Protein backbone atom coordinates (compact mmCIF):
# COMPACT_ATOMS: atom_id res chain seq x y z
CA MET A 1 36.77 12.31 -34.22
CA GLY A 2 38.97 12.77 -37.25
CA LEU A 3 41.22 15.31 -35.52
CA THR A 4 43.97 14.92 -33.04
CA PRO A 5 44.01 13.59 -29.48
CA ALA A 6 44.75 17.20 -28.47
CA ALA A 7 41.54 18.25 -30.09
CA TRP A 8 39.56 15.31 -28.51
CA THR A 9 40.80 16.32 -24.89
CA SER A 10 40.17 19.95 -25.53
CA THR A 11 36.50 19.31 -26.63
CA ARG A 12 35.95 16.97 -23.72
CA ASN A 13 37.23 19.55 -21.44
CA SER A 14 34.94 22.26 -22.82
CA ILE A 15 31.85 20.19 -22.58
CA GLN A 16 32.73 19.33 -19.10
CA LYS A 17 33.14 22.86 -18.10
CA LEU A 18 29.93 23.94 -19.80
CA LEU A 19 27.84 21.24 -17.94
CA SER A 20 29.35 22.08 -14.57
CA ALA A 21 27.09 23.31 -11.81
CA HIS A 22 29.71 26.14 -11.24
CA GLU A 23 29.70 27.35 -14.84
CA PRO A 24 27.06 30.02 -15.57
CA SER A 25 27.37 29.98 -19.33
CA LEU A 26 24.56 27.48 -19.70
CA ARG A 27 23.21 27.42 -16.22
CA ASP A 28 22.10 31.02 -16.27
CA ASP A 29 21.12 31.28 -19.95
CA LYS A 30 17.59 29.89 -20.40
CA GLN A 31 17.46 30.60 -24.05
CA LEU A 32 20.69 28.93 -24.82
CA ARG A 33 19.69 25.88 -22.76
CA ALA A 34 16.45 25.40 -24.97
CA LYS A 35 18.94 25.45 -28.11
CA ALA A 36 21.50 23.13 -26.52
CA PHE A 37 19.14 20.51 -24.76
CA ILE A 38 16.27 18.17 -25.89
CA LYS A 39 14.12 16.14 -23.59
CA GLN A 40 15.48 12.60 -23.08
CA SER A 41 11.77 11.49 -23.70
CA VAL A 42 11.93 12.69 -27.35
CA ALA A 43 15.65 12.07 -28.03
CA VAL A 44 16.38 9.67 -31.08
CA MET A 45 19.54 7.71 -30.89
CA HIS A 46 21.78 7.53 -33.96
CA LEU A 47 25.04 5.98 -34.93
CA PRO A 48 27.89 7.88 -33.37
CA ALA A 49 29.64 8.35 -36.77
CA ASP A 50 29.42 7.38 -40.34
CA ILE A 51 31.24 3.88 -40.54
CA GLY A 52 33.39 3.49 -43.77
CA ASP A 53 34.85 0.05 -42.67
CA TYR A 54 35.22 -2.03 -39.62
CA THR A 55 37.40 -4.96 -38.65
CA ASP A 56 36.56 -7.73 -36.10
CA PHE A 57 39.41 -8.92 -34.10
CA TYR A 58 39.52 -12.33 -32.44
CA SER A 59 41.09 -10.83 -29.22
CA SER A 60 39.59 -13.04 -26.56
CA LYS A 61 41.39 -16.45 -26.16
CA ASP A 62 38.50 -18.13 -24.22
CA HIS A 63 36.20 -16.86 -27.19
CA ALA A 64 38.53 -18.14 -29.84
CA THR A 65 38.71 -21.42 -28.07
CA ASN A 66 35.16 -21.93 -27.58
CA VAL A 67 34.26 -21.09 -31.10
CA GLY A 68 37.14 -23.35 -32.39
CA ILE A 69 35.70 -26.34 -30.25
CA MET A 70 32.31 -25.49 -31.94
CA PHE A 71 33.56 -25.72 -35.42
CA ARG A 72 36.68 -27.95 -35.29
CA GLY A 73 36.55 -29.97 -32.02
CA LYS A 74 38.70 -29.62 -28.82
CA ASP A 75 41.87 -31.04 -30.46
CA ASN A 76 42.03 -28.27 -32.93
CA ALA A 77 40.29 -25.43 -31.40
CA LEU A 78 42.92 -22.72 -31.41
CA MET A 79 44.66 -22.13 -34.62
CA PRO A 80 48.53 -21.92 -34.59
CA ASN A 81 48.68 -18.45 -35.67
CA TRP A 82 46.41 -17.02 -32.95
CA VAL A 83 48.99 -16.50 -30.32
CA HIS A 84 51.37 -14.78 -32.72
CA LEU A 85 49.44 -12.03 -34.45
CA PRO A 86 46.05 -10.19 -34.25
CA VAL A 87 43.50 -12.41 -36.06
CA GLY A 88 40.71 -10.47 -37.66
CA TYR A 89 38.37 -9.96 -40.69
CA HIS A 90 36.62 -7.13 -42.36
CA GLY A 91 32.77 -7.00 -41.44
CA ARG A 92 30.06 -5.38 -43.46
CA ALA A 93 29.95 -1.66 -42.49
CA SER A 94 26.57 -1.19 -44.09
CA SER A 95 24.85 -3.40 -41.65
CA VAL A 96 26.30 -1.65 -38.47
CA VAL A 97 23.06 -0.35 -36.74
CA VAL A 98 22.43 1.55 -33.56
CA SER A 99 21.32 -0.57 -30.52
CA GLY A 100 17.55 -1.08 -30.56
CA THR A 101 17.23 -1.77 -34.21
CA ALA A 102 15.38 -4.81 -35.21
CA ILE A 103 17.49 -7.59 -36.56
CA ARG A 104 16.09 -9.91 -39.15
CA ARG A 105 16.90 -13.75 -38.78
CA PRO A 106 18.95 -14.35 -41.88
CA CYS A 107 18.57 -17.16 -44.53
CA GLY A 108 21.29 -19.13 -45.81
CA GLN A 109 22.73 -22.35 -46.66
CA THR A 110 23.51 -24.77 -43.63
CA ARG A 111 24.40 -28.40 -43.52
CA PRO A 112 22.92 -29.98 -40.35
CA ASP A 113 23.40 -33.57 -41.57
CA GLU A 114 26.93 -33.94 -42.74
CA THR A 115 25.91 -37.05 -44.73
CA GLN A 116 23.49 -35.00 -46.82
CA PRO A 117 23.69 -32.08 -49.09
CA PRO A 118 23.22 -28.61 -47.70
CA VAL A 119 19.91 -26.89 -47.27
CA PHE A 120 18.58 -23.35 -47.71
CA GLY A 121 16.55 -21.75 -44.94
CA PRO A 122 16.42 -19.35 -41.89
CA SER A 123 19.10 -19.85 -39.22
CA LYS A 124 18.33 -22.03 -36.38
CA LEU A 125 21.30 -21.36 -34.29
CA MET A 126 21.29 -17.50 -33.79
CA ASP A 127 23.87 -16.26 -31.31
CA ILE A 128 25.02 -12.93 -29.80
CA GLU A 129 28.70 -11.86 -28.94
CA LEU A 130 29.27 -9.36 -26.15
CA GLU A 131 32.17 -7.26 -27.31
CA ALA A 132 33.67 -3.66 -27.00
CA ALA A 133 34.38 -1.77 -30.24
CA PHE A 134 36.82 1.00 -30.72
CA PHE A 135 36.38 4.11 -33.02
CA THR A 136 39.74 5.18 -34.75
CA GLY A 137 39.98 8.92 -35.58
CA ALA A 138 42.92 10.33 -37.65
CA GLY A 139 44.09 7.79 -39.89
CA ASN A 140 47.47 7.18 -41.79
CA GLU A 141 48.70 7.54 -45.54
CA LEU A 142 47.98 4.59 -47.64
CA GLY A 143 50.91 2.27 -47.51
CA SER A 144 52.46 3.96 -44.24
CA ALA A 145 52.38 1.99 -40.99
CA ILE A 146 51.31 3.29 -37.61
CA PRO A 147 53.89 2.04 -35.00
CA ILE A 148 52.51 0.06 -32.12
CA GLY A 149 53.78 2.87 -29.71
CA LYS A 150 51.74 5.44 -31.32
CA ALA A 151 48.41 3.40 -31.97
CA HIS A 152 46.81 5.11 -29.05
CA GLU A 153 46.99 8.32 -30.69
CA HIS A 154 44.54 7.05 -33.54
CA ILE A 155 41.91 5.46 -30.97
CA PHE A 156 39.04 7.86 -30.17
CA GLY A 157 36.78 5.86 -27.84
CA MET A 158 34.87 2.77 -27.10
CA VAL A 159 31.26 1.51 -27.63
CA LEU A 160 29.53 -1.66 -26.54
CA MET A 161 28.92 -4.01 -29.47
CA ASN A 162 26.71 -7.04 -30.33
CA ASP A 163 28.24 -9.17 -33.21
CA TRP A 164 24.94 -11.01 -34.05
CA SER A 165 26.08 -14.44 -35.53
CA ALA A 166 24.13 -17.31 -37.27
CA ARG A 167 26.41 -20.06 -36.32
CA ASP A 168 24.89 -22.94 -38.48
CA ILE A 169 25.36 -20.75 -41.56
CA GLN A 170 28.86 -19.67 -40.38
CA LYS A 171 29.89 -23.12 -39.75
CA TRP A 172 29.19 -24.27 -43.41
CA GLU A 173 30.60 -21.09 -45.18
CA TYR A 174 33.60 -20.02 -43.10
CA VAL A 175 36.22 -22.47 -44.84
CA PRO A 176 38.49 -21.27 -46.55
CA LEU A 177 37.78 -17.52 -46.38
CA GLY A 178 36.10 -16.92 -43.01
CA PRO A 179 32.53 -15.56 -42.07
CA PHE A 180 30.41 -14.07 -44.65
CA LEU A 181 26.51 -14.23 -44.45
CA GLY A 182 26.63 -15.87 -40.99
CA LYS A 183 28.03 -12.57 -39.53
CA SER A 184 27.09 -9.68 -41.89
CA PHE A 185 23.33 -9.39 -41.35
CA GLY A 186 23.71 -7.09 -38.47
CA THR A 187 26.10 -5.56 -35.83
CA SER A 188 24.65 -3.58 -33.17
CA ILE A 189 26.45 -0.77 -31.32
CA SER A 190 25.58 1.66 -28.55
CA PRO A 191 24.97 5.34 -29.66
CA TRP A 192 27.36 6.74 -26.94
CA VAL A 193 31.11 6.75 -27.37
CA VAL A 194 33.23 6.57 -24.01
CA THR A 195 36.43 8.44 -24.87
CA MET A 196 39.90 7.13 -24.14
CA ASP A 197 40.24 10.13 -21.90
CA ALA A 198 37.52 8.81 -19.60
CA LEU A 199 38.82 5.22 -19.72
CA ARG A 200 42.28 6.01 -19.03
CA PRO A 201 41.86 5.69 -15.01
CA PHE A 202 40.83 2.03 -15.81
CA ARG A 203 43.82 0.80 -17.75
CA ILE A 204 45.50 -2.08 -16.35
CA PRO A 205 48.26 -4.49 -17.82
CA GLY A 206 46.87 -7.29 -19.96
CA PRO A 207 47.56 -10.94 -19.70
CA VAL A 208 51.11 -12.08 -20.28
CA GLN A 209 51.51 -13.08 -24.02
CA ASP A 210 53.18 -16.47 -24.68
CA PRO A 211 55.21 -16.74 -26.88
CA THR A 212 56.49 -13.03 -26.79
CA PRO A 213 55.07 -11.04 -29.80
CA LEU A 214 57.46 -10.15 -32.64
CA PRO A 215 59.00 -6.84 -32.02
CA TYR A 216 56.60 -4.72 -34.03
CA LEU A 217 53.75 -5.86 -31.88
CA ARG A 218 55.48 -5.25 -28.60
CA HIS A 219 54.68 -2.17 -26.36
CA ASP A 220 54.97 -1.53 -22.48
CA ASP A 221 51.82 0.38 -21.93
CA PRO A 222 49.00 -1.28 -20.18
CA PHE A 223 46.67 -2.16 -22.93
CA SER A 224 43.53 -3.70 -21.12
CA PHE A 225 40.88 -2.28 -19.01
CA ASP A 226 39.31 -3.10 -15.66
CA ILE A 227 35.72 -3.25 -16.95
CA ARG A 228 33.06 -5.74 -16.20
CA LEU A 229 30.41 -6.30 -19.05
CA GLU A 230 27.20 -8.20 -18.79
CA VAL A 231 24.18 -9.24 -20.84
CA ALA A 232 20.85 -9.52 -19.30
CA ILE A 233 17.64 -10.82 -20.71
CA LYS A 234 15.20 -7.84 -21.07
CA GLY A 235 12.17 -8.03 -18.83
CA THR A 236 13.79 -10.76 -16.30
CA SER A 237 16.40 -10.92 -13.82
CA ILE A 238 18.42 -13.31 -16.03
CA SER A 239 22.18 -12.68 -16.59
CA ALA A 240 22.99 -14.35 -19.89
CA CYS A 241 26.70 -13.82 -19.52
CA LYS A 242 29.42 -11.87 -17.90
CA GLN A 243 32.90 -11.18 -18.97
CA TYR A 244 35.89 -8.93 -18.04
CA MET A 245 37.92 -6.91 -20.37
CA ARG A 246 40.91 -7.40 -18.27
CA VAL A 247 41.61 -10.95 -19.57
CA ARG A 248 41.52 -9.99 -23.11
CA TYR A 249 44.66 -11.37 -24.81
CA SER A 250 45.57 -9.07 -27.50
């Protein structure tokens, strides 16, 4: 993951070849297969990489508007800077966990009655956020920029992500510096990374950005994906939410 796109593609091609029904290297070598594979029933899923840092971007206009209405009301839902630059904040990398890890309901300050002082206790407004997260590979030297036209050379692949949120804690604490305890108690990601090579056939143009971004943020490549995401309630046929990556604004 820390190497170059050429290394990523070469590795992917080699794995595909080894797993092909027409390739004898693994197919015909029982001893090698015993070393290379383990039974799915005893497999333990782990985080796909050591995560040193992560940034949460506010890239869905609908989501940004809905949360803005929740916290500031309909008339002040979307902040003026949102359509001009990528809005994001740094999350707590140490609480990123693999999907299936138990999440403890956080405690913190809330102010359910705005006429009274805040109170301390467990969150009563736990929420989920269906997201897609990208792993970056080779980085850049401190102080040097990555041009927008070369950003794709640093993105290794994508995982599914649930950015757990305690909305009542978040609402009281987020001004003026943004979320803290209301968003840092747990972030779940899938153990499998889908590489950008695998996603390339599903690339499509994103929504028209209005106003036009400043020159350093402009590019002509299709930057969205025709992928449908859905959250279902385990043990039921209930669909909690659906969304499409193609409507992602930035």
